[in-house]
N, C-alpha and C. Protein backbone atom coordinates (compact mmCIF):
# COMPACT_ATOMS: atom_id res chain seq x y z
N UNK A 1 103.45 113.44 93.91
CA UNK A 1 104.10 112.53 94.89
C UNK A 1 105.00 111.62 94.24
N UNK A 2 105.75 111.38 95.03
CA UNK A 2 106.77 110.09 94.60
C UNK A 2 106.72 109.30 95.73
N UNK A 3 106.61 108.00 95.45
CA UNK A 3 106.68 107.01 96.26
C UNK A 3 107.84 105.89 96.30
N UNK A 4 108.04 105.45 97.59
CA UNK A 4 109.03 104.56 97.99
C UNK A 4 108.30 103.46 98.15
N UNK A 5 108.67 102.11 97.78
CA UNK A 5 107.62 100.87 97.93
C UNK A 5 108.39 99.78 97.96
N UNK A 6 107.79 98.77 98.84
CA UNK A 6 108.20 97.35 98.77
C UNK A 6 107.11 96.53 98.43
N UNK A 7 107.69 95.65 97.71
CA UNK A 7 106.37 94.50 97.20
C UNK A 7 107.04 93.29 97.74
N UNK A 8 106.15 92.21 97.92
CA UNK A 8 106.71 91.14 98.58
C UNK A 8 105.94 90.10 97.27
N UNK A 9 106.91 89.22 96.83
CA UNK A 9 106.42 88.13 95.56
C UNK A 9 105.71 87.15 96.34
N UNK A 10 104.52 86.92 95.88
CA UNK A 10 103.58 85.82 96.56
C UNK A 10 104.26 84.43 95.93
N UNK A 11 105.07 84.32 94.95
CA UNK A 11 105.73 83.31 94.18
C UNK A 11 106.78 82.73 95.26
N UNK A 12 107.74 83.73 95.46
CA UNK A 12 109.13 83.13 96.26
C UNK A 12 109.16 83.84 97.62
N UNK A 13 108.44 84.55 98.00
CA UNK A 13 108.17 85.15 99.15
C UNK A 13 109.33 86.33 99.23
N UNK A 14 110.05 86.80 98.53
CA UNK A 14 111.09 87.78 98.48
C UNK A 14 110.65 89.20 98.46
N UNK A 15 111.29 90.12 98.83
CA UNK A 15 111.10 91.45 98.63
C UNK A 15 111.61 92.53 97.49
N UNK A 16 110.97 93.36 97.11
CA UNK A 16 111.57 93.99 96.11
C UNK A 16 111.19 95.58 96.56
N UNK A 17 112.37 96.55 96.42
CA UNK A 17 112.17 97.97 97.02
C UNK A 17 112.19 98.60 95.78
N UNK A 18 111.38 99.84 95.49
CA UNK A 18 111.64 100.67 94.41
C UNK A 18 111.02 101.86 94.74
N UNK A 19 111.01 102.84 93.81
CA UNK A 19 110.51 104.03 94.00
C UNK A 19 109.84 104.54 92.27
N UNK A 20 108.78 105.42 92.45
CA UNK A 20 108.03 105.62 91.27
C UNK A 20 107.12 107.11 91.48
N UNK A 21 106.46 107.53 90.87
CA UNK A 21 105.43 108.78 90.70
C UNK A 21 104.21 108.35 90.43
N UNK A 22 103.86 106.79 90.20
CA UNK A 22 102.55 106.55 90.01
C UNK A 22 102.63 105.06 90.36
N UNK A 23 102.34 104.99 91.81
CA UNK A 23 102.19 103.54 92.73
C UNK A 23 101.45 102.59 91.95
N UNK A 24 100.22 102.97 91.43
CA UNK A 24 99.20 102.03 90.88
C UNK A 24 99.82 101.36 89.87
N UNK A 25 100.35 102.23 88.74
CA UNK A 25 100.58 101.78 87.47
C UNK A 25 102.10 101.02 87.70
N UNK A 26 102.77 101.20 88.60
CA UNK A 26 104.08 100.59 88.82
C UNK A 26 104.04 99.35 89.13
N UNK A 27 102.99 99.17 90.15
CA UNK A 27 102.50 97.80 90.74
C UNK A 27 102.00 96.70 89.61
N UNK A 28 101.17 97.62 88.53
CA UNK A 28 100.52 96.65 87.72
C UNK A 28 101.88 96.30 86.56
N UNK A 29 102.69 97.08 86.56
CA UNK A 29 103.80 96.87 85.65
C UNK A 29 104.77 95.70 86.07
N UNK A 30 104.92 95.75 87.49
CA UNK A 30 105.50 94.57 88.15
C UNK A 30 104.70 93.26 88.07
N UNK A 31 103.26 93.27 88.37
CA UNK A 31 102.55 92.20 88.10
C UNK A 31 102.11 91.56 86.70
N UNK A 32 102.61 92.47 85.84
CA UNK A 32 102.24 92.28 84.31
C UNK A 32 103.74 91.42 83.61
N UNK A 33 104.43 91.47 84.42
CA UNK A 33 106.09 90.84 83.85
C UNK A 33 106.45 92.07 83.00
N UNK A 34 106.24 93.19 83.25
CA UNK A 34 106.82 94.34 82.46
C UNK A 34 107.83 95.04 82.91
N UNK A 35 108.57 94.64 83.97
CA UNK A 35 109.70 95.24 84.55
C UNK A 35 110.75 94.27 84.80
N UNK A 36 111.91 94.44 84.17
CA UNK A 36 112.91 93.46 83.85
C UNK A 36 113.38 92.89 85.20
N UNK A 37 113.39 93.56 86.31
CA UNK A 37 114.04 93.33 87.76
C UNK A 37 113.23 92.34 88.30
N UNK A 38 111.94 92.45 88.15
CA UNK A 38 111.09 91.36 88.79
C UNK A 38 110.33 90.28 87.90
N UNK A 39 110.71 90.54 86.61
CA UNK A 39 109.98 89.43 85.81
C UNK A 39 110.10 87.99 86.28
N UNK A 40 109.15 87.34 86.12
CA UNK A 40 108.78 86.04 86.63
C UNK A 40 108.60 85.56 88.01
N UNK A 41 108.72 86.67 88.73
CA UNK A 41 108.58 86.51 90.25
C UNK A 41 107.44 86.73 90.78
N UNK A 42 106.43 87.27 89.97
CA UNK A 42 105.16 87.87 90.52
C UNK A 42 104.13 86.84 90.60
N UNK A 43 103.06 87.07 91.00
CA UNK A 43 102.48 88.23 91.35
C UNK A 43 103.22 88.61 92.73
N UNK A 44 102.90 90.01 93.08
CA UNK A 44 103.31 90.51 94.07
C UNK A 44 102.12 91.45 94.77
N UNK A 45 102.39 91.33 96.10
CA UNK A 45 101.77 92.52 97.03
C UNK A 45 102.26 93.45 97.51
N UNK A 46 101.54 94.67 97.53
CA UNK A 46 102.01 95.90 98.24
C UNK A 46 102.24 95.79 99.61
N UNK A 47 103.42 95.79 100.24
CA UNK A 47 103.43 95.40 101.94
C UNK A 47 103.93 96.68 102.51
N UNK A 48 104.48 97.80 101.80
CA UNK A 48 104.72 99.05 102.40
C UNK A 48 104.92 100.17 101.70
N UNK A 49 104.78 101.48 101.79
CA UNK A 49 104.87 102.57 101.05
C UNK A 49 105.19 103.76 101.65
N UNK A 50 106.02 104.87 101.27
CA UNK A 50 106.08 106.06 101.65
C UNK A 50 105.88 107.14 100.75
N UNK A 51 105.15 108.10 100.93
CA UNK A 51 104.99 109.07 99.97
C UNK A 51 105.90 110.28 100.22
N UNK A 52 106.43 111.07 99.00
CA UNK A 52 107.38 111.97 99.40
C UNK A 52 106.84 113.15 98.35
N UNK A 53 107.27 114.42 98.61
CA UNK A 53 107.00 115.50 97.86
C UNK A 53 107.99 115.61 96.86
N UNK A 54 109.07 115.42 97.08
CA UNK A 54 110.45 115.66 96.24
C UNK A 54 110.79 114.15 95.76
N UNK A 55 111.29 114.08 94.49
CA UNK A 55 111.82 112.94 93.97
C UNK A 55 113.21 112.69 94.73
N UNK A 56 114.13 113.42 95.03
CA UNK A 56 115.38 113.27 95.66
C UNK A 56 114.97 112.55 97.02
N UNK A 57 114.00 112.86 97.64
CA UNK A 57 113.85 112.50 99.08
C UNK A 57 113.35 110.86 98.78
N UNK A 58 112.36 110.64 97.80
CA UNK A 58 111.97 109.24 97.55
C UNK A 58 113.19 108.39 97.22
N UNK A 59 113.96 109.12 96.33
CA UNK A 59 115.36 108.02 95.80
C UNK A 59 116.15 107.71 96.98
N UNK A 60 116.30 108.88 98.01
CA UNK A 60 117.10 108.80 99.18
C UNK A 60 116.62 107.41 100.22
N UNK A 61 115.13 107.46 100.30
CA UNK A 61 114.67 106.89 100.94
C UNK A 61 114.64 105.10 100.46
N UNK A 62 114.52 105.19 99.14
CA UNK A 62 114.94 103.79 98.72
C UNK A 62 116.25 103.29 98.85
N UNK A 63 117.28 104.02 98.71
CA UNK A 63 118.52 103.69 99.00
C UNK A 63 118.63 103.40 100.52
N UNK A 64 118.23 104.31 101.35
CA UNK A 64 118.21 103.69 102.66
C UNK A 64 117.52 102.58 103.31
N UNK A 65 116.21 102.27 102.53
CA UNK A 65 115.57 101.07 102.63
C UNK A 65 115.94 99.72 102.20
N UNK A 66 117.19 99.88 101.31
CA UNK A 66 117.80 98.70 100.72
C UNK A 66 118.99 98.45 101.73
N UNK A 67 119.37 99.43 102.76
CA UNK A 67 120.66 99.20 103.71
C UNK A 67 120.19 98.05 104.40
N UNK A 68 121.05 97.75 105.17
CA UNK A 68 120.91 96.81 106.56
C UNK A 68 120.01 97.35 107.42
N UNK A 69 120.44 98.66 107.56
CA UNK A 69 119.50 99.48 108.78
C UNK A 69 118.08 99.54 108.40
N UNK A 70 118.13 100.00 107.05
CA UNK A 70 116.66 99.95 106.35
C UNK A 70 115.63 99.01 106.35
N UNK A 71 116.57 97.72 106.09
CA UNK A 71 115.60 96.44 105.94
C UNK A 71 115.06 96.07 107.57
N UNK A 72 116.03 96.39 108.56
CA UNK A 72 115.54 96.11 109.69
C UNK A 72 114.30 97.24 109.93
N UNK A 73 114.31 98.66 109.86
CA UNK A 73 113.30 99.50 110.02
C UNK A 73 112.06 98.70 109.21
N UNK A 74 112.06 98.58 108.29
CA UNK A 74 110.98 98.08 107.56
C UNK A 74 110.33 96.64 108.19
N UNK A 75 111.32 96.05 108.58
CA UNK A 75 110.84 94.78 109.17
C UNK A 75 110.17 94.77 110.50
N UNK A 76 110.63 95.78 111.26
CA UNK A 76 110.03 96.20 112.39
C UNK A 76 108.78 97.06 112.30
N UNK A 77 108.70 97.71 111.20
CA UNK A 77 107.42 98.34 110.98
C UNK A 77 106.30 97.58 110.42
N UNK A 78 106.56 96.42 109.72
CA UNK A 78 105.54 95.52 109.05
C UNK A 78 105.62 94.06 109.73
N UNK A 79 106.22 94.01 111.11
CA UNK A 79 106.17 92.77 111.59
C UNK A 79 104.94 91.92 111.85
N UNK A 80 103.90 92.78 112.26
CA UNK A 80 102.56 92.24 112.43
C UNK A 80 102.02 91.78 110.98
N UNK A 81 102.17 92.33 109.95
CA UNK A 81 101.94 91.95 108.66
C UNK A 81 102.65 90.80 108.31
N UNK A 82 103.81 90.77 108.32
CA UNK A 82 104.76 89.45 107.98
C UNK A 82 104.03 88.28 109.10
N UNK A 83 103.70 88.52 110.11
CA UNK A 83 103.29 87.17 111.13
C UNK A 83 102.25 86.75 110.66
N UNK A 84 101.34 87.54 110.10
CA UNK A 84 99.80 87.09 109.55
C UNK A 84 100.03 86.32 108.36
N UNK A 85 100.94 86.75 107.45
CA UNK A 85 101.16 86.09 105.74
C UNK A 85 102.09 85.11 106.18
N UNK A 86 102.90 84.87 107.15
CA UNK A 86 103.50 83.88 107.14
C UNK A 86 105.10 84.17 106.61
C-alpha cells in the first residue's frame, strides 16, 4: 500500500503533505528530524491519511491535496478535528 498523509506540526501549527509506502516509519522520520523538508518543525501529529494500492495514485493524490481545491477538501474533512485542537 501507498499512503498520502498530512501532518500537523505541534510546534508551529503548520501542515505538511507527503506520500510514502511505510506510514509509521515516515512519521518517525519526520519526528526524529531526519527529513530535510520538516527538520526543526517537529514534533508532528498525523491528522489525515489515505491508502492507495498504486504508487501513481498516491502521488497524484498528494499533488491534489497540495492544491487550493485539495486544501479546501482536507479542511472540510478534518474540520471537527481542527476545532478540537485549536
